[in-house]
Amino acid sequence: MCDVQKYIDIYEELEKLEPDDTLQLVLEAKTEAQKDFFEMLGDYLLALKQQELIGRKLI
């Protein structure tokens, strides 16, 4: 069984990333799989921010 709290902690850390951070991760990825992962993470975080702004009717 996995350590659920460990992955919750990782998730909470990843949520703190800024767009520049995810870009840096993509540019410095060592493998194509890492690059793809960080690109998807950046897209996910952007979508969360868009949902937040839409909810606040700022866009």
PDB file of N, CA and C in Angstrom:
ATOM      1  N   MET A   1       0.840  -1.182   0.000  1.00  0.00           N
ATOM      2  CA  MET A   1       0.000   0.000   0.000  1.00  0.00           C
ATOM      3  C   MET A   1       0.888   1.249   0.000  1.00  0.00           C
ATOM      4  N   CYS A   2       0.448   2.272  -0.698  1.00  0.00           N
ATOM      5  CA  CYS A   2       1.254   3.486  -0.790  1.00  0.00           C
ATOM      6  C   CYS A   2       1.033   4.392   0.419  1.00  0.00           C
ATOM      7  N   ASP A   3       1.973   5.284   0.612  1.00  0.00           N
ATOM      8  CA  ASP A   3       1.898   6.276   1.691  1.00  0.00           C
ATOM      9  C   ASP A   3       1.071   7.453   1.169  1.00  0.00           C
ATOM     10  N   VAL A   4      -0.220   7.428   1.437  1.00  0.00           N
ATOM     11  CA  VAL A   4      -1.150   8.422   0.897  1.00  0.00           C
ATOM     12  C   VAL A   4      -0.746   9.833   1.301  1.00  0.00           C
ATOM     13  N   GLN A   5      -0.383  10.039   2.544  1.00  0.00           N
ATOM     14  CA  GLN A   5      -0.021  11.379   3.003  1.00  0.00           C
ATOM     15  C   GLN A   5       1.169  11.936   2.227  1.00  0.00           C
ATOM     16  N   LYS A   6       2.098  11.063   1.885  1.00  0.00           N
ATOM     17  CA  LYS A   6       3.267  11.475   1.094  1.00  0.00           C
ATOM     18  C   LYS A   6       2.821  12.100  -0.235  1.00  0.00           C
ATOM     19  N   TYR A   7       1.858  11.474  -0.892  1.00  0.00           N
ATOM     20  CA  TYR A   7       1.406  11.977  -2.183  1.00  0.00           C
ATOM     21  C   TYR A   7       0.510  13.200  -2.036  1.00  0.00           C
ATOM     22  N   ILE A   8      -0.216  13.293  -0.959  1.00  0.00           N
ATOM     23  CA  ILE A   8      -0.985  14.505  -0.683  1.00  0.00           C
ATOM     24  C   ILE A   8      -0.036  15.680  -0.477  1.00  0.00           C
ATOM     25  N   ASP A   9       1.055  15.449   0.249  1.00  0.00           N
ATOM     26  CA  ASP A   9       2.059  16.492   0.467  1.00  0.00           C
ATOM     27  C   ASP A   9       2.694  16.922  -0.855  1.00  0.00           C
ATOM     28  N   ILE A  10       2.994  15.963  -1.717  1.00  0.00           N
ATOM     29  CA  ILE A  10       3.575  16.277  -3.026  1.00  0.00           C
ATOM     30  C   ILE A  10       2.587  17.118  -3.836  1.00  0.00           C
ATOM     31  N   TYR A  11       1.324  16.714  -3.837  1.00  0.00           N
ATOM     32  CA  TYR A  11       0.289  17.464  -4.551  1.00  0.00           C
ATOM     33  C   TYR A  11       0.225  18.909  -4.067  1.00  0.00           C
ATOM     34  N   GLU A  12       0.238  19.084  -2.753  1.00  0.00           N
ATOM     35  CA  GLU A  12       0.165  20.436  -2.202  1.00  0.00           C
ATOM     36  C   GLU A  12       1.374  21.272  -2.580  1.00  0.00           C
ATOM     37  N   GLU A  13       2.535  20.662  -2.673  1.00  0.00           N
ATOM     38  CA  GLU A  13       3.727  21.379  -3.122  1.00  0.00           C
ATOM     39  C   GLU A  13       3.612  21.762  -4.589  1.00  0.00           C
ATOM     40  N   LEU A  14       3.132  20.838  -5.413  1.00  0.00           N
ATOM     41  CA  LEU A  14       2.999  21.109  -6.840  1.00  0.00           C
ATOM     42  C   LEU A  14       1.999  22.218  -7.113  1.00  0.00           C
ATOM     43  N   GLU A  15       0.957  22.304  -6.295  1.00  0.00           N
ATOM     44  CA  GLU A  15      -0.044  23.367  -6.463  1.00  0.00           C
ATOM     45  C   GLU A  15       0.545  24.759  -6.297  1.00  0.00           C
ATOM     46  N   LYS A  16       1.656  24.863  -5.619  1.00  0.00           N
ATOM     47  CA  LYS A  16       2.286  26.158  -5.349  1.00  0.00           C
ATOM     48  C   LYS A  16       3.121  26.663  -6.525  1.00  0.00           C
ATOM     49  N   LEU A  17       3.348  25.811  -7.516  1.00  0.00           N
ATOM     50  CA  LEU A  17       4.197  26.201  -8.639  1.00  0.00           C
ATOM     51  C   LEU A  17       3.570  27.327  -9.446  1.00  0.00           C
ATOM     52  N   GLU A  18       4.405  28.225  -9.901  1.00  0.00           N
ATOM     53  CA  GLU A  18       4.015  29.327 -10.778  1.00  0.00           C
ATOM     54  C   GLU A  18       4.304  28.916 -12.227  1.00  0.00           C
ATOM     55  N   PRO A  19       3.710  29.594 -13.209  1.00  0.00           N
ATOM     56  CA  PRO A  19       3.975  29.250 -14.606  1.00  0.00           C
ATOM     57  C   PRO A  19       5.467  29.238 -14.963  1.00  0.00           C
ATOM     58  N   ASP A  20       6.220  30.183 -14.440  1.00  0.00           N
ATOM     59  CA  ASP A  20       7.661  30.192 -14.716  1.00  0.00           C
ATOM     60  C   ASP A  20       8.350  28.955 -14.161  1.00  0.00           C
ATOM     61  N   ASP A  21       7.851  28.463 -13.035  1.00  0.00           N
ATOM     62  CA  ASP A  21       8.424  27.260 -12.435  1.00  0.00           C
ATOM     63  C   ASP A  21       8.190  26.046 -13.324  1.00  0.00           C
ATOM     64  N   THR A  22       6.957  25.900 -13.825  1.00  0.00           N
ATOM     65  CA  THR A  22       6.680  24.738 -14.663  1.00  0.00           C
ATOM     66  C   THR A  22       7.440  24.826 -15.985  1.00  0.00           C
ATOM     67  N   LEU A  23       7.613  26.032 -16.508  1.00  0.00           N
ATOM     68  CA  LEU A  23       8.415  26.200 -17.720  1.00  0.00           C
ATOM     69  C   LEU A  23       9.855  25.765 -17.471  1.00  0.00           C
ATOM     70  N   GLN A  24      10.415  26.163 -16.356  1.00  0.00           N
ATOM     71  CA  GLN A  24      11.778  25.755 -16.013  1.00  0.00           C
ATOM     72  C   GLN A  24      11.876  24.237 -15.902  1.00  0.00           C
ATOM     73  N   LEU A  25      10.886  23.619 -15.292  1.00  0.00           N
ATOM     74  CA  LEU A  25      10.882  22.156 -15.166  1.00  0.00           C
ATOM     75  C   LEU A  25      10.839  21.497 -16.540  1.00  0.00           C
ATOM     76  N   VAL A  26      10.025  22.023 -17.438  1.00  0.00           N
ATOM     77  CA  VAL A  26       9.945  21.477 -18.798  1.00  0.00           C
ATOM     78  C   VAL A  26      11.290  21.610 -19.497  1.00  0.00           C
ATOM     79  N   LEU A  27      11.881  22.794 -19.405  1.00  0.00           N
ATOM     80  CA  LEU A  27      13.147  23.042 -20.104  1.00  0.00           C
ATOM     81  C   LEU A  27      14.294  22.209 -19.554  1.00  0.00           C
ATOM     82  N   GLU A  28      14.236  21.864 -18.284  1.00  0.00           N
ATOM     83  CA  GLU A  28      15.333  21.111 -17.660  1.00  0.00           C
ATOM     84  C   GLU A  28      15.019  19.633 -17.464  1.00  0.00           C
ATOM     85  N   ALA A  29      13.898  19.185 -18.017  1.00  0.00           N
ATOM     86  CA  ALA A  29      13.529  17.770 -17.896  1.00  0.00           C
ATOM     87  C   ALA A  29      14.602  16.900 -18.538  1.00  0.00           C
ATOM     88  N   LYS A  30      14.874  15.780 -17.893  1.00  0.00           N
ATOM     89  CA  LYS A  30      15.918  14.879 -18.380  1.00  0.00           C
ATOM     90  C   LYS A  30      15.399  13.866 -19.402  1.00  0.00           C
ATOM     91  N   THR A  31      14.100  13.619 -19.388  1.00  0.00           N
ATOM     92  CA  THR A  31      13.510  12.667 -20.329  1.00  0.00           C
ATOM     93  C   THR A  31      12.270  13.287 -20.967  1.00  0.00           C
ATOM     94  N   GLU A  32      11.850  12.686 -22.056  1.00  0.00           N
ATOM     95  CA  GLU A  32      10.636  13.139 -22.728  1.00  0.00           C
ATOM     96  C   GLU A  32       9.416  12.920 -21.823  1.00  0.00           C
ATOM     97  N   ALA A  33       9.426  11.828 -21.062  1.00  0.00           N
ATOM     98  CA  ALA A  33       8.314  11.547 -20.151  1.00  0.00           C
ATOM     99  C   ALA A  33       8.212  12.626 -19.074  1.00  0.00           C
ATOM    100  N   GLN A  34       9.352  13.057 -18.540  1.00  0.00           N
ATOM    101  CA  GLN A  34       9.345  14.125 -17.542  1.00  0.00           C
ATOM    102  C   GLN A  34       8.830  15.420 -18.163  1.00  0.00           C
ATOM    103  N   LYS A  35       9.286  15.714 -19.365  1.00  0.00           N
ATOM    104  CA  LYS A  35       8.840  16.918 -20.056  1.00  0.00           C
ATOM    105  C   LYS A  35       7.327  16.897 -20.245  1.00  0.00           C
ATOM    106  N   ASP A  36       6.809  15.764 -20.706  1.00  0.00           N
ATOM    107  CA  ASP A  36       5.364  15.629 -20.902  1.00  0.00           C
ATOM    108  C   ASP A  36       4.618  15.818 -19.584  1.00  0.00           C
ATOM    109  N   PHE A  37       5.133  15.224 -18.514  1.00  0.00           N
ATOM    110  CA  PHE A  37       4.501  15.340 -17.207  1.00  0.00           C
ATOM    111  C   PHE A  37       4.443  16.792 -16.751  1.00  0.00           C
ATOM    112  N   PHE A  38       5.557  17.500 -16.859  1.00  0.00           N
ATOM    113  CA  PHE A  38       5.593  18.888 -16.405  1.00  0.00           C
ATOM    114  C   PHE A  38       4.733  19.794 -17.282  1.00  0.00           C
ATOM    115  N   GLU A  39       4.640  19.487 -18.573  1.00  0.00           N
ATOM    116  CA  GLU A  39       3.745  20.249 -19.446  1.00  0.00           C
ATOM    117  C   GLU A  39       2.292  20.036 -19.034  1.00  0.00           C
ATOM    118  N   MET A  40       1.930  18.774 -18.751  1.00  0.00           N
ATOM    119  CA  MET A  40       0.554  18.492 -18.308  1.00  0.00           C
ATOM    120  C   MET A  40       0.274  19.149 -16.960  1.00  0.00           C
ATOM    121  N   LEU A  41       1.252  19.154 -16.087  1.00  0.00           N
ATOM    122  CA  LEU A  41       1.096  19.805 -14.792  1.00  0.00           C
ATOM    123  C   LEU A  41       0.852  21.299 -14.978  1.00  0.00           C
ATOM    124  N   GLY A  42       1.628  21.926 -15.844  1.00  0.00           N
ATOM    125  CA  GLY A  42       1.445  23.349 -16.121  1.00  0.00           C
ATOM    126  C   GLY A  42       0.065  23.639 -16.679  1.00  0.00           C
ATOM    127  N   ASP A  43      -0.408  22.781 -17.597  1.00  0.00           N
ATOM    128  CA  ASP A  43      -1.745  22.940 -18.170  1.00  0.00           C
ATOM    129  C   ASP A  43      -2.814  22.795 -17.094  1.00  0.00           C
ATOM    130  N   TYR A  44      -2.630  21.818 -16.212  1.00  0.00           N
ATOM    131  CA  TYR A  44      -3.581  21.587 -15.121  1.00  0.00           C
ATOM    132  C   TYR A  44      -3.650  22.791 -14.192  1.00  0.00           C
ATOM    133  N   LEU A  45      -2.499  23.306 -13.803  1.00  0.00           N
ATOM    134  CA  LEU A  45      -2.471  24.453 -12.894  1.00  0.00           C
ATOM    135  C   LEU A  45      -3.093  25.684 -13.555  1.00  0.00           C
ATOM    136  N   LEU A  46      -2.853  25.856 -14.849  1.00  0.00           N
ATOM    137  CA  LEU A  46      -3.473  26.960 -15.578  1.00  0.00           C
ATOM    138  C   LEU A  46      -4.989  26.812 -15.601  1.00  0.00           C
ATOM    139  N   ALA A  47      -5.473  25.592 -15.824  1.00  0.00           N
ATOM    140  CA  ALA A  47      -6.919  25.350 -15.837  1.00  0.00           C
ATOM    141  C   ALA A  47      -7.531  25.656 -14.472  1.00  0.00           C
ATOM    142  N   LEU A  48      -6.844  25.289 -13.400  1.00  0.00           N
ATOM    143  CA  LEU A  48      -7.346  25.610 -12.057  1.00  0.00           C
ATOM    144  C   LEU A  48      -7.458  27.112 -11.863  1.00  0.00           C
ATOM    145  N   LYS A  49      -6.445  27.840 -12.317  1.00  0.00           N
ATOM    146  CA  LYS A  49      -6.451  29.298 -12.174  1.00  0.00           C
ATOM    147  C   LYS A  49      -7.586  29.911 -12.996  1.00  0.00           C
ATOM    148  N   GLN A  50      -7.792  29.389 -14.206  1.00  0.00           N
ATOM    149  CA  GLN A  50      -8.886  29.882 -15.039  1.00  0.00           C
ATOM    150  C   GLN A  50     -10.234  29.640 -14.374  1.00  0.00           C
ATOM    151  N   GLN A  51     -10.425  28.460 -13.790  1.00  0.00           N
ATOM    152  CA  GLN A  51     -11.681  28.157 -13.097  1.00  0.00           C
ATOM    153  C   GLN A  51     -11.895  29.108 -11.937  1.00  0.00           C
ATOM    154  N   GLU A  52     -10.822  29.413 -11.222  1.00  0.00           N
ATOM    155  CA  GLU A  52     -10.910  30.343 -10.097  1.00  0.00           C
ATOM    156  C   GLU A  52     -11.347  31.730 -10.581  1.00  0.00           C
ATOM    157  N   LEU A  53     -10.735  32.208 -11.662  1.00  0.00           N
ATOM    158  CA  LEU A  53     -11.063  33.521 -12.188  1.00  0.00           C
ATOM    159  C   LEU A  53     -12.483  33.574 -12.739  1.00  0.00           C
ATOM    160  N   ILE A  54     -12.902  32.511 -13.398  1.00  0.00           N
ATOM    161  CA  ILE A  54     -14.264  32.452 -13.919  1.00  0.00           C
ATOM    162  C   ILE A  54     -15.255  32.479 -12.753  1.00  0.00           C
ATOM    163  N   GLY A  55     -14.931  31.742 -11.701  1.00  0.00           N
ATOM    164  CA  GLY A  55     -15.795  31.722 -10.530  1.00  0.00           C
ATOM    165  C   GLY A  55     -15.917  33.089  -9.881  1.00  0.00           C
ATOM    166  N   ARG A  56     -14.852  33.866  -9.970  1.00  0.00           N
ATOM    167  CA  ARG A  56     -14.876  35.222  -9.422  1.00  0.00           C
ATOM    168  C   ARG A  56     -15.329  36.229 -10.471  1.00  0.00           C
ATOM    169  N   LYS A  57     -15.666  35.755 -11.675  1.00  0.00           N
ATOM    170  CA  LYS A  57     -16.143  36.590 -12.794  1.00  0.00           C
ATOM    171  C   LYS A  57     -15.150  37.666 -13.180  1.00  0.00           C
ATOM    172  N   LEU A  58     -13.852  37.281 -13.175  1.00  0.00           N
ATOM    173  CA  LEU A  58     -12.818  38.244 -13.566  1.00  0.00           C
ATOM    174  C   LEU A  58     -12.431  38.089 -15.020  1.00  0.00           C
ATOM    175  N   ILE A  59     -12.885  37.012 -15.668  1.00  0.00           N
ATOM    176  CA  ILE A  59     -12.623  36.878 -17.109  1.00  0.00           C
ATOM    177  C   ILE A  59     -13.888  36.491 -17.826  1.00  0.00           C
TER     178      ILE A  59
END
